[in-house]
C-alpha atoms as a PDB file:
ATOM      1  CA  MET A   1      14.313 -94.577  -8.559  1.00  0.00           C
ATOM      2  CA  ILE A   2      11.253 -96.496  -7.388  1.00  0.00           C
ATOM      3  CA  LYS A   3      11.683-100.011  -6.025  1.00  0.00           C
ATOM      4  CA  LYS A   4       8.530-102.108  -5.609  1.00  0.00           C
ATOM      5  CA  VAL A   5       8.801-105.480  -3.870  1.00  0.00           C
ATOM      6  CA  LYS A   6       6.161-107.974  -4.961  1.00  0.00           C
ATOM      7  CA  ARG A   7       6.133-111.147  -2.902  1.00  0.00           C
ATOM      8  CA  PRO A   8       7.000-113.726  -4.152  1.00  0.00           C
ATOM      9  CA  ALA A   9       7.502-112.355  -7.699  1.00  0.00           C
ATOM     10  CA  GLY A  10      10.544-110.236  -6.856  1.00  0.00           C
ATOM     11  CA  VAL A  11      11.725-106.660  -7.152  1.00  0.00           C
ATOM     12  CA  PHE A  12      10.609-104.221  -9.829  1.00  0.00           C
ATOM     13  CA  THR A  13      12.375-100.884 -10.349  1.00  0.00           C
ATOM     14  CA  TRP A  14      11.603 -97.787 -12.408  1.00  0.00           C
ATOM     15  CA  LYS A  15      13.968 -94.964 -13.223  1.00  0.00           C
ATOM     16  CA  ALA A  16      12.110 -91.872 -12.019  1.00  0.00           C
ATOM     17  CA  HIS A  17      13.052 -88.208 -11.847  1.00  0.00           C
ATOM     18  CA  PRO A  18      12.277 -86.223  -8.684  1.00  0.00           C
ATOM     19  CA  LEU A  19       9.841 -83.343  -9.154  1.00  0.00           C
ATOM     20  CA  GLY A  20       9.945 -82.010  -5.621  1.00  0.00           C
ATOM     21  CA  GLU A  21       8.395 -82.382  -2.226  1.00  0.00           C
ATOM     22  CA  ASP A  22       5.383 -80.723  -0.607  1.00  0.00           C
ATOM     23  CA  GLU A  23       2.936 -81.371   2.222  1.00  0.00           C
ATOM     24  CA  HIS A  24       1.551 -84.373   0.302  1.00  0.00           C
ATOM     25  CA  GLY A  25       4.909 -86.114  -0.071  1.00  0.00           C
ATOM     26  CA  HIS A  26       7.592 -86.723  -2.695  1.00  0.00           C
ATOM     27  CA  TRP A  27       6.679 -86.372  -6.385  1.00  0.00           C
ATOM     28  CA  LEU A  28       8.464 -88.396  -9.088  1.00  0.00           C
ATOM     29  CA  PHE A  29       8.115 -88.454 -12.887  1.00  0.00           C
ATOM     30  CA  LEU A  30       8.388 -91.416 -15.207  1.00  0.00           C
ATOM     31  CA  GLY A  31       8.424 -90.129 -18.757  1.00  0.00           C
ATOM     32  CA  GLN A  32       7.440 -92.251 -21.685  1.00  0.00           C
ATOM     33  CA  GLY A  33      10.525 -94.324 -22.452  1.00  0.00           C
ATOM     34  CA  ALA A  34      11.791 -94.427 -18.852  1.00  0.00           C
ATOM     35  CA  THR A  35      13.390 -97.767 -18.058  1.00  0.00           C
ATOM     36  CA  TRP A  36      11.983-100.443 -15.779  1.00  0.00           C
ATOM     37  CA  LEU A  37      13.479-103.716 -14.632  1.00  0.00           C
ATOM     38  CA  GLY A  38      11.728-106.774 -13.235  1.00  0.00           C
ATOM     39  CA  PRO A  39      12.906-110.198 -12.112  1.00  0.00           C
ATOM     40  CA  HIS A  40      12.405-111.767 -15.552  1.00  0.00           C
ATOM     41  CA  ALA A  41      12.106-108.832 -17.958  1.00  0.00           C
ATOM     42  CA  ALA A  42      13.055-105.230 -18.610  1.00  0.00           C
ATOM     43  CA  GLY A  43      11.643-102.532 -20.795  1.00  0.00           C
ATOM     44  CA  ARG A  44      10.518 -98.978 -21.208  1.00  0.00           C
ATOM     45  CA  VAL A  45       7.446 -97.242 -19.830  1.00  0.00           C
ATOM     46  CA  SER A  46       4.912 -96.741 -22.636  1.00  0.00           C
ATOM     47  CA  VAL A  47       3.111 -93.706 -21.147  1.00  0.00           C
ATOM     48  CA  ASP A  48       3.921 -90.739 -18.923  1.00  0.00           C
ATOM     49  CA  ALA A  49       3.253 -91.153 -15.201  1.00  0.00           C
ATOM     50  CA  VAL A  50       3.691 -89.240 -11.973  1.00  0.00           C
ATOM     51  CA  VAL A  51       4.123 -90.970  -8.632  1.00  0.00           C
ATOM     52  CA  LEU A  52       3.403 -89.531  -5.192  1.00  0.00           C
ATOM     53  CA  VAL A  53       5.177 -91.224  -2.299  1.00  0.00           C
ATOM     54  CA  SER A  54       3.674 -90.162   1.020  1.00  0.00           C
ATOM     55  CA  PRO A  55       5.973 -91.301   3.845  1.00  0.00           C
ATOM     56  CA  GLY A  56       4.108 -93.042   6.646  1.00  0.00           C
ATOM     57  CA  GLN A  57       1.067 -93.829   4.496  1.00  0.00           C
ATOM     58  CA  PRO A  58       0.326 -97.413   3.389  1.00  0.00           C
ATOM     59  CA  TRP A  59      -0.022 -96.516  -0.288  1.00  0.00           C
ATOM     60  CA  VAL A  60       1.808 -95.039  -3.271  1.00  0.00           C
ATOM     61  CA  THR A  61      -0.219 -93.064  -5.834  1.00  0.00           C
ATOM     62  CA  TRP A  62       0.387 -93.325  -9.598  1.00  0.00           C
ATOM     63  CA  TRP A  63      -1.171 -90.960 -12.180  1.00  0.00           C
ATOM     64  CA  VAL A  64      -0.964 -92.914 -15.428  1.00  0.00           C
ATOM     65  CA  ASP A  65      -1.580 -90.938 -18.620  1.00  0.00           C
ATOM     66  CA  ASP A  66      -2.696 -93.839 -20.790  1.00  0.00           C
ATOM     67  CA  PRO A  67      -4.523 -92.279 -23.774  1.00  0.00           C
ATOM     68  CA  ALA A  68      -6.987 -95.189 -23.814  1.00  0.00           C
ATOM     69  CA  ASP A  69      -7.713 -95.105 -20.068  1.00  0.00           C
ATOM     70  CA  PRO A  70      -6.060 -92.385 -17.973  1.00  0.00           C
ATOM     71  CA  GLY A  71      -6.246 -93.283 -14.335  1.00  0.00           C
ATOM     72  CA  VAL A  72      -5.120 -92.844 -10.788  1.00  0.00           C
ATOM     73  CA  GLU A  73      -3.826 -96.105  -9.321  1.00  0.00           C
ATOM     74  CA  LEU A  74      -2.979 -96.532  -5.665  1.00  0.00           C
ATOM     75  CA  ASP A  75      -0.617 -99.332  -4.689  1.00  0.00           C
ATOM     76  CA  VAL A  76      -1.614-100.465  -1.207  1.00  0.00           C
ATOM     77  CA  CYS A  77       1.668-101.260   0.502  1.00  0.00           C
ATOM     78  CA  LEU A  78       3.690-101.184   3.663  1.00  0.00           C
ATOM     79  CA  PRO A  79       4.674 -97.529   4.219  1.00  0.00           C
ATOM     80  CA  PRO A  80       7.392 -96.574   1.710  1.00  0.00           C
ATOM     81  CA  ALA A  81      10.931 -95.920   2.866  1.00  0.00           C
ATOM     82  CA  PRO A  82      13.667 -93.745   1.362  1.00  0.00           C
ATOM     83  CA  SER A  83      17.169 -95.029   0.714  1.00  0.00           C
ATOM     84  CA  GLU A  84      19.953 -93.718   2.926  1.00  0.00           C
ATOM     85  CA  GLN A  85      21.017 -91.413   0.104  1.00  0.00           C
ATOM     86  CA  GLY A  86      17.412 -90.232  -0.354  1.00  0.00           C
ATOM     87  CA  ASP A  87      17.541 -90.849  -4.095  1.00  0.00           C
ATOM     88  CA  ARG A  88      15.209 -93.848  -4.235  1.00  0.00           C
ATOM     89  CA  TRP A  89      12.030 -95.053  -2.599  1.00  0.00           C
ATOM     90  CA  SER A  90      11.089 -98.647  -1.895  1.00  0.00           C
ATOM     91  CA  TYR A  91       7.902-100.303  -0.752  1.00  0.00           C
ATOM     92  CA  VAL A  92       6.414-103.758  -0.280  1.00  0.00           C
ATOM     93  CA  ASP A  93       3.293-104.213  -2.397  1.00  0.00           C
ATOM     94  CA  LEU A  94       0.245-105.630  -0.575  1.00  0.00           C
ATOM     95  CA  GLU A  95      -1.405-106.447  -3.918  1.00  0.00           C
ATOM     96  CA  LEU A  96      -4.690-104.524  -3.671  1.00  0.00           C
ATOM     97  CA  ASP A  97      -4.885-101.541  -6.029  1.00  0.00           C
ATOM     98  CA  PRO A  98      -7.770 -99.052  -5.855  1.00  0.00           C
ATOM     99  CA  VAL A  99      -8.060 -97.463  -9.311  1.00  0.00           C
ATOM    100  CA  LEU A 100      -9.989 -94.450 -10.589  1.00  0.00           C
ATOM    101  CA  HIS A 101     -10.713 -94.578 -14.329  1.00  0.00           C
ATOM    102  CA  VAL A 102     -11.010 -90.836 -14.798  1.00  0.00           C
ATOM    103  CA  ARG A 103     -12.939 -90.741 -18.083  1.00  0.00           C
ATOM    104  CA  THR A 104     -15.763 -92.937 -16.785  1.00  0.00           C
ATOM    105  CA  GLY A 105     -15.489 -92.128 -13.083  1.00  0.00           C
ATOM    106  CA  GLN A 106     -15.451 -95.873 -12.336  1.00  0.00           C
ATOM    107  CA  VAL A 107     -13.585 -96.857  -9.167  1.00  0.00           C
ATOM    108  CA  GLU A 108     -12.530-100.435  -8.568  1.00  0.00           C
ATOM    109  CA  VAL A 109     -10.083-102.416  -6.493  1.00  0.00           C
ATOM    110  CA  GLN A 110      -7.859-104.617  -8.650  1.00  0.00           C
ATOM    111  CA  ASP A 111      -5.699-107.679  -8.002  1.00  0.00           C
ATOM    112  CA  TRP A 112      -7.934-109.549  -5.566  1.00  0.00           C
ATOM    113  CA  ASP A 113      -6.514-112.795  -7.002  1.00  0.00           C
ATOM    114  CA  GLU A 114      -2.922-111.825  -6.121  1.00  0.00           C
ATOM    115  CA  PHE A 115      -4.047-110.711  -2.661  1.00  0.00           C
ATOM    116  CA  GLY A 116      -5.890-113.992  -2.040  1.00  0.00           C
ATOM    117  CA  GLU A 117      -2.895-116.018  -3.159  1.00  0.00           C
ATOM    118  CA  SER A 118      -0.569-114.065  -0.834  1.00  0.00           C
ATOM    119  CA  VAL A 119      -2.885-114.708   2.121  1.00  0.00           C
ATOM    120  CA  ASP A 120      -3.566-118.362   1.247  1.00  0.00           C
ATOM    121  CA  THR A 121       0.120-119.211   0.857  1.00  0.00           C
ATOM    122  CA  GLY A 122       1.153-117.403   4.048  1.00  0.00           C
ATOM    123  CA  ILE A 123       3.277-114.793   2.281  1.00  0.00           C
ATOM    124  CA  MET A 124       1.066-112.157   3.908  1.00  0.00           C
ATOM    125  CA  ASP A 125       0.166-112.545   7.580  1.00  0.00           C
ATOM    126  CA  ARG A 126      -3.308-111.759   8.916  1.00  0.00           C
ATOM    127  CA  ALA A 127      -2.378-108.369  10.417  1.00  0.00           C
ATOM    128  CA  THR A 128      -0.848-107.222   7.129  1.00  0.00           C
ATOM    129  CA  ALA A 129      -3.832-108.559   5.181  1.00  0.00           C
ATOM    130  CA  ASP A 130      -6.160-106.601   7.473  1.00  0.00           C
ATOM    131  CA  LEU A 131      -4.106-103.447   6.863  1.00  0.00           C
ATOM    132  CA  ALA A 132      -4.354-104.034   3.106  1.00  0.00           C
ATOM    133  CA  LEU A 133      -8.123-104.589   3.218  1.00  0.00           C
ATOM    134  CA  GLN A 134      -8.807-101.555   5.420  1.00  0.00           C
ATOM    135  CA  THR A 135      -6.548 -99.316   3.330  1.00  0.00           C
ATOM    136  CA  ALA A 136      -8.039-100.473   0.016  1.00  0.00           C
ATOM    137  CA  GLN A 137     -11.558 -99.838   1.311  1.00  0.00           C
ATOM    138  CA  LYS A 138     -10.612 -96.372   2.615  1.00  0.00           C
ATOM    139  CA  LEU A 139      -8.937 -95.415  -0.665  1.00  0.00           C
ATOM    140  CA  ARG A 140     -11.815 -96.754  -2.779  1.00  0.00           C
ATOM    141  CA  HIS A 141     -14.207 -94.494  -0.873  1.00  0.00           C
ATOM    142  CA  LEU A 142     -11.779 -91.584  -1.161  1.00  0.00           C
ATOM    143  CA  LEU A 143     -11.540 -91.973  -4.956  1.00  0.00           C
ATOM    144  CA  ALA A 144     -15.314 -92.359  -5.327  1.00  0.00           C
ATOM    145  CA  GLY A 145     -16.111 -89.173  -3.381  1.00  0.00           C
ATOM    146  CA  PRO A 146     -15.262 -85.520  -3.979  1.00  0.00           C
ATOM    147  CA  ALA A 147     -11.715 -85.242  -5.330  1.00  0.00           C
ATOM    148  CA  PRO A 148      -9.131 -84.852  -2.572  1.00  0.00           C
ATOM    149  CA  GLU A 149      -6.872 -81.798  -2.933  1.00  0.00           C
ATOM    150  CA  TRP A 150      -3.900 -83.829  -4.163  1.00  0.00           C
ATOM    151  CA  LEU A 151      -5.784 -85.583  -6.983  1.00  0.00           C
ATOM    152  CA  PRO A 152      -5.716 -82.728  -9.545  1.00  0.00           C
ATOM    153  CA  LEU A 153      -2.181 -81.806  -8.417  1.00  0.00           C
ATOM    154  CA  GLY A 154      -0.915 -85.084  -9.855  1.00  0.00           C
ATOM    155  CA  TRP A 155      -2.350 -84.343 -13.299  1.00  0.00           C
ATOM    156  CA  SER A 156      -0.905 -80.807 -13.239  1.00  0.00           C
ATOM    157  CA  ARG A 157       2.535 -82.082 -12.201  1.00  0.00           C
ATOM    158  CA  LEU A 158       2.403 -84.754 -14.887  1.00  0.00           C
ATOM    159  CA  ALA A 159       1.513 -82.230 -17.600  1.00  0.00           C
ATOM    160  CA  ARG A 160       4.284 -79.838 -16.510  1.00  0.00           C
ATOM    161  CA  ALA A 161       6.886 -82.619 -16.341  1.00  0.00           C
ATOM    162  CA  ALA A 162       5.861 -83.898 -19.786  1.00  0.00           C
ATOM    163  CA  GLY A 163       6.011 -80.379 -21.256  1.00  0.00           C
ATOM    164  CA  ARG A 164       2.279 -80.070 -21.893  1.00  0.00           C
ATOM    165  CA  PRO A 165      -0.225 -77.444 -20.739  1.00  0.00           C
ATOM    166  CA  ALA A 166      -1.903 -78.301 -17.450  1.00  0.00           C
ATOM    167  CA  PRO A 167      -5.315 -79.876 -17.969  1.00  0.00           C
ATOM    168  CA  GLY A 168      -8.408 -77.863 -17.109  1.00  0.00           C
ATOM    169  CA  PRO A 169     -10.682 -78.956 -14.256  1.00  0.00           C
ATOM    170  CA  ASP A 170     -12.953 -80.915 -16.630  1.00  0.00           C
ATOM    171  CA  HIS A 171     -10.184 -82.459 -18.736  1.00  0.00           C
ATOM    172  CA  TYR A 172     -10.686 -85.935 -17.289  1.00  0.00           C
ATOM    173  CA  ALA A 173     -14.285 -85.552 -16.172  1.00  0.00           C
ATOM    174  CA  PRO A 174     -16.561 -88.559 -16.758  1.00  0.00           C
END
């Protein structure tokens, strides 16, 4: 289970299946049709996704296999924490989301409006806002440069979990 706290919107949860743990963190799978629940709605995930939760890091990485725009999306957040039972992860979203659109190679940071609103209304204090800005900038540069080791691992784990052959190295090349 993944629990994402968006302030002030509320708590969003996704039913995810653990794929294992390695030196990069904890891997989770959300298959197409997996359930999600938000404060005012519920539904099913429309595409396959893999999530990497790296304890101690101020981000959570999502590989989203959207046929129209496959991408790697990083939720900048307070470092994620496991539940006492270890069966769910929760994190507080800091709004900024560096995104790699893999087919075009475009890298952008999304949700500046939500970030600005959180700062302007006092939901996010200055120290937390600085953490979010520094982390988003670092991750944007990371996504724009040579692929870090864990980037192709996410696509391979997603393919395996979805029962598809692993993509080749140029599968998502721009």
